Structures are given as C-alpha cells and as structure tokens.
C-alpha cells in the first residue's frame, strides 16, 4: 500500500506562494506583519490602538475571519484601507488568500500591511502567508499554560504581546512562569505587556515593530 503525505505537499505549495507574496511586496518596499492569537485575546483592539498612533495613509489591513465583516468595518471606520477575507469555516489563512487580498488593495503610498489572522493557536502557526514579522497576542485571562500547550505558535512568533495586564490582579496568572516557558521555547522572542483597552504598552509595541 502506498502512503501519500498530503500535508507536505500542501505546506510546500503554500510556502512557495508565501515567498512570492513576500517578494512582490518587498519589491514595493512594503513590510508585512501577521497578527495572531485566540478569539478574545484582544487582537483587533490591539490593532485599533496601533492604527490610532501610526500614519494611516501608509498602512493597509487584511482582516481574516470565518464569517462576517464586523472587524473589517471597525478598521475601515478608522480611515485605513481594508480588505476582508472570509474562509467560510477554514481555521487559518493561506498565502494564496493573501495574494488575492493584496490584488484588491490600492498599494499607493503603503509601507505596512497588517494581517489580522483568524483567532486560533494551532493551524495559523503552521502556515506562512508572506509575512516578515509574526506578532502573537496572548492575554492573562487565558492562563499561563498556553506556551507549553501550543508550542509552535510561541516558537515561531517574533513579538509576543501579553495583553489585559490590567486584569492580572483578578486572575491567578503567573507572569514569571509564562515568561520562563516562552523563553525556553523561543529565547529571541520579545514580550511586550499591554492593556489594550487603555492603550497601555502600545507605544512599546510600535517601537518593537519598527526595530524588527
């Protein structure tokens, strides 16, 4: 009996397309950030806070979601060029989807694209989508066990936002254990503490993004 490893083929084709997307945008001097995290971690709130402090005319956003365009409308209302990607049930974005989204964007004057990926800590970590930098948002309300439960996400991220720090006193979140586990998995990962709804930590995140 012959066994076919389907995953290998899928990942290879996706990685090739991701490189094409990245090359296409690099040729236009556009930097791409992949924003990752679970539903409710505060990804879109972080994004809104970032956009409030950045030059909107130089930024475009690709919003990924299973259904609805609610988040895209939130971002578009800020005056930012936005494209919505609906996967209709698929739990991650792929490079081909980003290529199609980029074709719908007016890239005139754009220097940065931020992809607000689908809320998920598993398969979103497995698929490159043409990004230069990965930013993962984790919140204290999710508990400090997530790095060891979902290691690939934390191993492959460049920047880690620890969000909802204002709620930490009301939880049993162990910040030292969380940071220790992250550093074991990814010694080069920078951790930025935030309270997104209050705008706290956003300046530090922007600084970290500009340094990458």
C-alpha atoms as a PDB file:
ATOM      1  CA  UNK A   1       0.000   0.000   0.000  1.00  0.00           C
ATOM      2  CA  UNK A   2       1.327   3.434  -0.935  1.00  0.00           C
ATOM      3  CA  UNK A   3       1.051   6.213   1.623  1.00  0.00           C
ATOM      4  CA  UNK A   4       0.845   9.819   0.444  1.00  0.00           C
ATOM      5  CA  UNK A   5       1.857  12.578   2.840  1.00  0.00           C
ATOM      6  CA  UNK A   6      -0.655  15.208   1.787  1.00  0.00           C
ATOM      7  CA  UNK A   7       0.446  17.778   4.371  1.00  0.00           C
ATOM      8  CA  UNK A   8       3.939  18.033   2.939  1.00  0.00           C
ATOM      9  CA  UNK A   9       2.568  18.954  -0.480  1.00  0.00           C
ATOM     10  CA  UNK A  10       0.156  21.496   0.967  1.00  0.00           C
ATOM     11  CA  UNK A  11       2.827  23.196   3.047  1.00  0.00           C
ATOM     12  CA  UNK A  12       5.346  23.222   0.195  1.00  0.00           C
ATOM     13  CA  UNK A  13       2.929  24.856  -2.232  1.00  0.00           C
ATOM     14  CA  UNK A  14       1.837  27.329   0.424  1.00  0.00           C
ATOM     15  CA  UNK A  15       5.429  28.223   1.343  1.00  0.00           C
ATOM     16  CA  UNK A  16       6.282  28.812  -2.302  1.00  0.00           C
ATOM     17  CA  UNK A  17       3.289  31.111  -2.676  1.00  0.00           C
ATOM     18  CA  UNK A  18       4.174  32.879   0.589  1.00  0.00           C
ATOM     19  CA  UNK A  19       7.624  33.652  -0.783  1.00  0.00           C
ATOM     20  CA  UNK A  20       6.092  35.016  -3.984  1.00  0.00           C
ATOM     21  CA  UNK A  21       3.805  37.283  -1.961  1.00  0.00           C
ATOM     22  CA  UNK A  22       6.678  38.432   0.225  1.00  0.00           C
ATOM     23  CA  UNK A  23       8.915  39.134  -2.776  1.00  0.00           C
ATOM     24  CA  UNK A  24       6.122  41.044  -4.529  1.00  0.00           C
ATOM     25  CA  UNK A  25       5.597  43.303  -1.508  1.00  0.00           C
ATOM     26  CA  UNK A  26       9.308  43.712  -0.780  1.00  0.00           C
ATOM     27  CA  UNK A  27       9.784  44.975  -4.328  1.00  0.00           C
ATOM     28  CA  UNK A  28       7.341  47.724  -3.346  1.00  0.00           C
ATOM     29  CA  UNK A  29       9.117  48.370  -0.029  1.00  0.00           C
ATOM     30  CA  UNK A  30       6.135  47.096   1.964  1.00  0.00           C
ATOM     31  CA  UNK A  31       6.645  45.341   5.298  1.00  0.00           C
ATOM     32  CA  UNK A  32       4.109  42.699   6.363  1.00  0.00           C
ATOM     33  CA  UNK A  33       3.044  41.801   9.898  1.00  0.00           C
ATOM     34  CA  UNK A  34       0.993  38.689  10.729  1.00  0.00           C
ATOM     35  CA  UNK A  35      -1.144  39.333  13.838  1.00  0.00           C
ATOM     36  CA  UNK A  36      -2.043  36.077  15.602  1.00  0.00           C
ATOM     37  CA  UNK A  37      -3.863  34.946  18.741  1.00  0.00           C
ATOM     38  CA  UNK A  38      -7.018  33.360  20.092  1.00  0.00           C
ATOM     39  CA  UNK A  39     -10.537  34.788  19.807  1.00  0.00           C
ATOM     40  CA  UNK A  40     -10.945  37.260  22.647  1.00  0.00           C
ATOM     41  CA  UNK A  41      -7.229  37.796  23.227  1.00  0.00           C
ATOM     42  CA  UNK A  42      -7.596  41.394  22.071  1.00  0.00           C
ATOM     43  CA  UNK A  43      -6.018  41.185  18.600  1.00  0.00           C
ATOM     44  CA  UNK A  44      -8.377  43.630  16.928  1.00  0.00           C
ATOM     45  CA  UNK A  45      -8.313  46.015  19.884  1.00  0.00           C
ATOM     46  CA  UNK A  46      -4.507  45.987  19.739  1.00  0.00           C
ATOM     47  CA  UNK A  47      -4.753  46.689  16.021  1.00  0.00           C
ATOM     48  CA  UNK A  48      -7.095  49.625  16.568  1.00  0.00           C
ATOM     49  CA  UNK A  49      -4.727  51.090  19.141  1.00  0.00           C
ATOM     50  CA  UNK A  50      -1.772  50.674  16.793  1.00  0.00           C
ATOM     51  CA  UNK A  51      -3.588  52.384  13.948  1.00  0.00           C
ATOM     52  CA  UNK A  52      -4.543  55.297  16.199  1.00  0.00           C
ATOM     53  CA  UNK A  53      -0.839  56.046  16.673  1.00  0.00           C
ATOM     54  CA  UNK A  54       0.508  55.228  13.188  1.00  0.00           C
ATOM     55  CA  UNK A  55       0.254  57.026   9.841  1.00  0.00           C
ATOM     56  CA  UNK A  56      -2.969  55.551   8.483  1.00  0.00           C
ATOM     57  CA  UNK A  57      -2.339  56.562   4.895  1.00  0.00           C
ATOM     58  CA  UNK A  58       0.757  54.334   4.886  1.00  0.00           C
ATOM     59  CA  UNK A  59      -0.970  51.243   6.291  1.00  0.00           C
ATOM     60  CA  UNK A  60      -3.330  48.649   4.842  1.00  0.00           C
ATOM     61  CA  UNK A  61      -5.089  45.890   6.772  1.00  0.00           C
ATOM     62  CA  UNK A  62      -6.212  42.431   5.681  1.00  0.00           C
ATOM     63  CA  UNK A  63      -8.872  41.123   8.051  1.00  0.00           C
ATOM     64  CA  UNK A  64      -9.255  37.350   8.322  1.00  0.00           C
ATOM     65  CA  UNK A  65     -12.402  35.790   9.744  1.00  0.00           C
ATOM     66  CA  UNK A  66     -14.538  32.726   9.304  1.00  0.00           C
ATOM     67  CA  UNK A  67     -17.678  34.770   8.711  1.00  0.00           C
ATOM     68  CA  UNK A  68     -18.894  38.413   8.869  1.00  0.00           C
ATOM     69  CA  UNK A  69     -17.060  41.656   8.165  1.00  0.00           C
ATOM     70  CA  UNK A  70     -17.531  43.172  11.622  1.00  0.00           C
ATOM     71  CA  UNK A  71     -13.825  43.613  12.357  1.00  0.00           C
ATOM     72  CA  UNK A  72     -13.101  44.957   8.870  1.00  0.00           C
ATOM     73  CA  UNK A  73     -15.784  47.603   9.356  1.00  0.00           C
ATOM     74  CA  UNK A  74     -14.180  48.594  12.681  1.00  0.00           C
ATOM     75  CA  UNK A  75     -10.830  49.080  10.967  1.00  0.00           C
ATOM     76  CA  UNK A  76     -12.206  50.747   7.846  1.00  0.00           C
ATOM     77  CA  UNK A  77     -14.043  53.278  10.016  1.00  0.00           C
ATOM     78  CA  UNK A  78     -10.604  54.487  11.179  1.00  0.00           C
ATOM     79  CA  UNK A  79      -9.780  55.559   7.634  1.00  0.00           C
ATOM     80  CA  UNK A  80      -7.497  52.613   6.838  1.00  0.00           C
ATOM     81  CA  UNK A  81      -7.530  50.717   3.556  1.00  0.00           C
ATOM     82  CA  UNK A  82      -9.017  47.324   4.445  1.00  0.00           C
ATOM     83  CA  UNK A  83      -9.848  44.032   2.734  1.00  0.00           C
ATOM     84  CA  UNK A  84     -11.965  41.324   4.385  1.00  0.00           C
ATOM     85  CA  UNK A  85     -11.117  37.641   3.904  1.00  0.00           C
ATOM     86  CA  UNK A  86     -13.813  35.148   4.908  1.00  0.00           C
ATOM     87  CA  UNK A  87     -12.737  31.498   4.963  1.00  0.00           C
ATOM     88  CA  UNK A  88     -16.273  30.098   5.452  1.00  0.00           C
ATOM     89  CA  UNK A  89     -15.122  27.739   8.183  1.00  0.00           C
ATOM     90  CA  UNK A  90     -11.403  27.200   7.489  1.00  0.00           C
ATOM     91  CA  UNK A  91      -9.394  27.845  10.649  1.00  0.00           C
ATOM     92  CA  UNK A  92      -6.439  29.646   9.049  1.00  0.00           C
ATOM     93  CA  UNK A  93      -5.373  31.937   6.240  1.00  0.00           C
ATOM     94  CA  UNK A  94      -3.126  30.700   3.437  1.00  0.00           C
ATOM     95  CA  UNK A  95      -0.702  32.557   1.195  1.00  0.00           C
ATOM     96  CA  UNK A  96      -2.965  32.266  -1.842  1.00  0.00           C
ATOM     97  CA  UNK A  97      -5.684  34.139   0.049  1.00  0.00           C
ATOM     98  CA  UNK A  98      -3.256  36.936   0.913  1.00  0.00           C
ATOM     99  CA  UNK A  99      -2.182  37.193  -2.722  1.00  0.00           C
ATOM    100  CA  UNK A 100      -5.814  37.667  -3.748  1.00  0.00           C
ATOM    101  CA  UNK A 101      -6.397  40.230  -0.987  1.00  0.00           C
ATOM    102  CA  UNK A 102      -3.304  42.222  -1.978  1.00  0.00           C
ATOM    103  CA  UNK A 103      -4.590  42.416  -5.549  1.00  0.00           C
ATOM    104  CA  UNK A 104      -7.721  44.134  -4.210  1.00  0.00           C
ATOM    105  CA  UNK A 105      -5.736  46.796  -2.338  1.00  0.00           C
ATOM    106  CA  UNK A 106      -4.568  50.131  -3.649  1.00  0.00           C
ATOM    107  CA  UNK A 107      -0.926  49.953  -2.557  1.00  0.00           C
ATOM    108  CA  UNK A 108      -0.111  53.556  -3.469  1.00  0.00           C
ATOM    109  CA  UNK A 109       1.866  55.041  -0.577  1.00  0.00           C
ATOM    110  CA  UNK A 110       1.520  51.892   1.523  1.00  0.00           C
ATOM    111  CA  UNK A 111       4.569  50.975   3.622  1.00  0.00           C
ATOM    112  CA  UNK A 112       2.997  48.461   6.014  1.00  0.00           C
ATOM    113  CA  UNK A 113       0.400  45.701   5.713  1.00  0.00           C
ATOM    114  CA  UNK A 114      -1.004  44.155   8.885  1.00  0.00           C
ATOM    115  CA  UNK A 115      -2.841  40.848   8.535  1.00  0.00           C
ATOM    116  CA  UNK A 116      -5.325  40.254  11.357  1.00  0.00           C
ATOM    117  CA  UNK A 117      -5.335  36.465  11.194  1.00  0.00           C
ATOM    118  CA  UNK A 118      -8.127  34.143  12.301  1.00  0.00           C
ATOM    119  CA  UNK A 119      -8.336  33.520  16.049  1.00  0.00           C
ATOM    120  CA  UNK A 120      -6.545  30.215  16.553  1.00  0.00           C
ATOM    121  CA  UNK A 121      -3.343  28.984  18.224  1.00  0.00           C
ATOM    122  CA  UNK A 122      -2.898  25.818  16.168  1.00  0.00           C
ATOM    123  CA  UNK A 123      -3.063  25.853  12.368  1.00  0.00           C
ATOM    124  CA  UNK A 124      -2.449  29.590  11.963  1.00  0.00           C
ATOM    125  CA  UNK A 125       1.067  28.919  13.287  1.00  0.00           C
ATOM    126  CA  UNK A 126       1.684  26.300  10.600  1.00  0.00           C
ATOM    127  CA  UNK A 127       1.045  28.462   7.546  1.00  0.00           C
ATOM    128  CA  UNK A 128       3.366  31.184   6.320  1.00  0.00           C
ATOM    129  CA  UNK A 129       1.386  33.842   4.497  1.00  0.00           C
ATOM    130  CA  UNK A 130       4.058  36.176   3.171  1.00  0.00           C
ATOM    131  CA  UNK A 131       4.775  37.966   6.445  1.00  0.00           C
ATOM    132  CA  UNK A 132       8.075  39.425   7.585  1.00  0.00           C
ATOM    133  CA  UNK A 133       7.184  39.504  11.277  1.00  0.00           C
ATOM    134  CA  UNK A 134       4.784  37.487  13.414  1.00  0.00           C
ATOM    135  CA  UNK A 135       3.072  39.147  16.372  1.00  0.00           C
ATOM    136  CA  UNK A 136       1.178  36.868  18.749  1.00  0.00           C
ATOM    137  CA  UNK A 137      -1.330  38.273  21.227  1.00  0.00           C
ATOM    138  CA  UNK A 138      -1.927  36.286  24.418  1.00  0.00           C
ATOM    139  CA  UNK A 139      -3.993  37.525  27.349  1.00  0.00           C
ATOM    140  CA  UNK A 140      -3.699  36.921  31.083  1.00  0.00           C
ATOM    141  CA  UNK A 141      -7.329  35.756  31.149  1.00  0.00           C
ATOM    142  CA  UNK A 142      -6.345  32.727  29.028  1.00  0.00           C
ATOM    143  CA  UNK A 143      -3.980  31.410  31.701  1.00  0.00           C
ATOM    144  CA  UNK A 144      -0.213  30.996  31.720  1.00  0.00           C
ATOM    145  CA  UNK A 145      -0.216  27.434  30.346  1.00  0.00           C
ATOM    146  CA  UNK A 146      -0.659  28.344  26.674  1.00  0.00           C
ATOM    147  CA  UNK A 147       3.033  28.348  25.612  1.00  0.00           C
ATOM    148  CA  UNK A 148       3.506  24.699  26.586  1.00  0.00           C
ATOM    149  CA  UNK A 149       0.100  23.641  25.232  1.00  0.00           C
ATOM    150  CA  UNK A 150       0.599  25.367  21.864  1.00  0.00           C
ATOM    151  CA  UNK A 151       4.389  25.436  21.454  1.00  0.00           C
ATOM    152  CA  UNK A 152       4.579  26.018  17.691  1.00  0.00           C
ATOM    153  CA  UNK A 153       2.780  29.341  17.950  1.00  0.00           C
ATOM    154  CA  UNK A 154       5.203  30.604  20.574  1.00  0.00           C
ATOM    155  CA  UNK A 155       8.253  29.089  18.880  1.00  0.00           C
ATOM    156  CA  UNK A 156       7.556  30.874  15.602  1.00  0.00           C
ATOM    157  CA  UNK A 157       6.494  34.312  16.809  1.00  0.00           C
ATOM    158  CA  UNK A 158       8.828  37.301  16.721  1.00  0.00           C
ATOM    159  CA  UNK A 159       6.915  39.551  19.105  1.00  0.00           C
ATOM    160  CA  UNK A 160       4.604  38.428  21.888  1.00  0.00           C
ATOM    161  CA  UNK A 161       2.008  40.804  23.305  1.00  0.00           C
ATOM    162  CA  UNK A 162       0.849  39.875  26.797  1.00  0.00           C
ATOM    163  CA  UNK A 163      -2.492  41.654  26.853  1.00  0.00           C
ATOM    164  CA  UNK A 164      -5.082  42.533  29.530  1.00  0.00           C
ATOM    165  CA  UNK A 165      -2.414  43.160  32.148  1.00  0.00           C
ATOM    166  CA  UNK A 166      -4.891  45.428  33.917  1.00  0.00           C
ATOM    167  CA  UNK A 167      -6.911  42.296  34.737  1.00  0.00           C
ATOM    168  CA  UNK A 168      -3.953  40.315  36.098  1.00  0.00           C
ATOM    169  CA  UNK A 169      -4.735  41.121  39.780  1.00  0.00           C
ATOM    170  CA  UNK A 170      -8.110  39.422  39.344  1.00  0.00           C
ATOM    171  CA  UNK A 171      -6.668  36.178  37.927  1.00  0.00           C
ATOM    172  CA  UNK A 172      -4.210  33.500  39.016  1.00  0.00           C
ATOM    173  CA  UNK A 173      -1.959  34.267  36.035  1.00  0.00           C
ATOM    174  CA  UNK A 174       1.697  33.504  36.767  1.00  0.00           C
ATOM    175  CA  UNK A 175       3.680  36.006  34.701  1.00  0.00           C
ATOM    176  CA  UNK A 176       7.071  34.619  35.696  1.00  0.00           C
ATOM    177  CA  UNK A 177       6.120  31.061  34.691  1.00  0.00           C
ATOM    178  CA  UNK A 178       4.620  32.318  31.423  1.00  0.00           C
ATOM    179  CA  UNK A 179       7.770  34.281  30.529  1.00  0.00           C
ATOM    180  CA  UNK A 180      10.001  31.377  31.540  1.00  0.00           C
ATOM    181  CA  UNK A 181       8.098  28.948  29.287  1.00  0.00           C
ATOM    182  CA  UNK A 182       8.145  31.381  26.367  1.00  0.00           C
ATOM    183  CA  UNK A 183      11.890  31.956  26.659  1.00  0.00           C
ATOM    184  CA  UNK A 184      12.552  28.203  26.782  1.00  0.00           C
ATOM    185  CA  UNK A 185      10.650  27.788  23.529  1.00  0.00           C
ATOM    186  CA  UNK A 186      11.864  30.970  21.867  1.00  0.00           C
ATOM    187  CA  UNK A 187      14.816  32.753  23.514  1.00  0.00           C
ATOM    188  CA  UNK A 188      14.750  35.577  20.952  1.00  0.00           C
ATOM    189  CA  UNK A 189      11.080  36.437  21.430  1.00  0.00           C
ATOM    190  CA  UNK A 190      10.367  39.913  22.796  1.00  0.00           C
ATOM    191  CA  UNK A 191       7.463  40.133  25.269  1.00  0.00           C
ATOM    192  CA  UNK A 192       5.508  43.400  25.455  1.00  0.00           C
ATOM    193  CA  UNK A 193       2.998  43.862  28.265  1.00  0.00           C
ATOM    194  CA  UNK A 194      -0.197  45.672  27.259  1.00  0.00           C
ATOM    195  CA  UNK A 195      -3.615  46.704  28.443  1.00  0.00           C
ATOM    196  CA  UNK A 196      -5.068  47.368  25.019  1.00  0.00           C
ATOM    197  CA  UNK A 197      -8.395  48.876  26.070  1.00  0.00           C
ATOM    198  CA  UNK A 198      -6.434  51.532  27.991  1.00  0.00           C
ATOM    199  CA  UNK A 199      -3.784  51.978  25.319  1.00  0.00           C
ATOM    200  CA  UNK A 200      -1.041  50.886  27.709  1.00  0.00           C
ATOM    201  CA  UNK A 201       2.009  49.260  26.135  1.00  0.00           C
ATOM    202  CA  UNK A 202       1.077  50.253  22.582  1.00  0.00           C
ATOM    203  CA  UNK A 203       3.991  52.682  22.183  1.00  0.00           C
ATOM    204  CA  UNK A 204       6.390  49.927  23.250  1.00  0.00           C
ATOM    205  CA  UNK A 205       4.840  47.579  20.699  1.00  0.00           C
ATOM    206  CA  UNK A 206       5.221  50.149  17.907  1.00  0.00           C
ATOM    207  CA  UNK A 207       8.851  50.625  18.896  1.00  0.00           C
ATOM    208  CA  UNK A 208       9.430  46.856  18.857  1.00  0.00           C
ATOM    209  CA  UNK A 209       7.764  46.576  15.443  1.00  0.00           C
ATOM    210  CA  UNK A 210       9.983  49.301  14.000  1.00  0.00           C
ATOM    211  CA  UNK A 211      13.086  47.547  15.328  1.00  0.00           C
ATOM    212  CA  UNK A 212      12.259  44.267  13.567  1.00  0.00           C
END
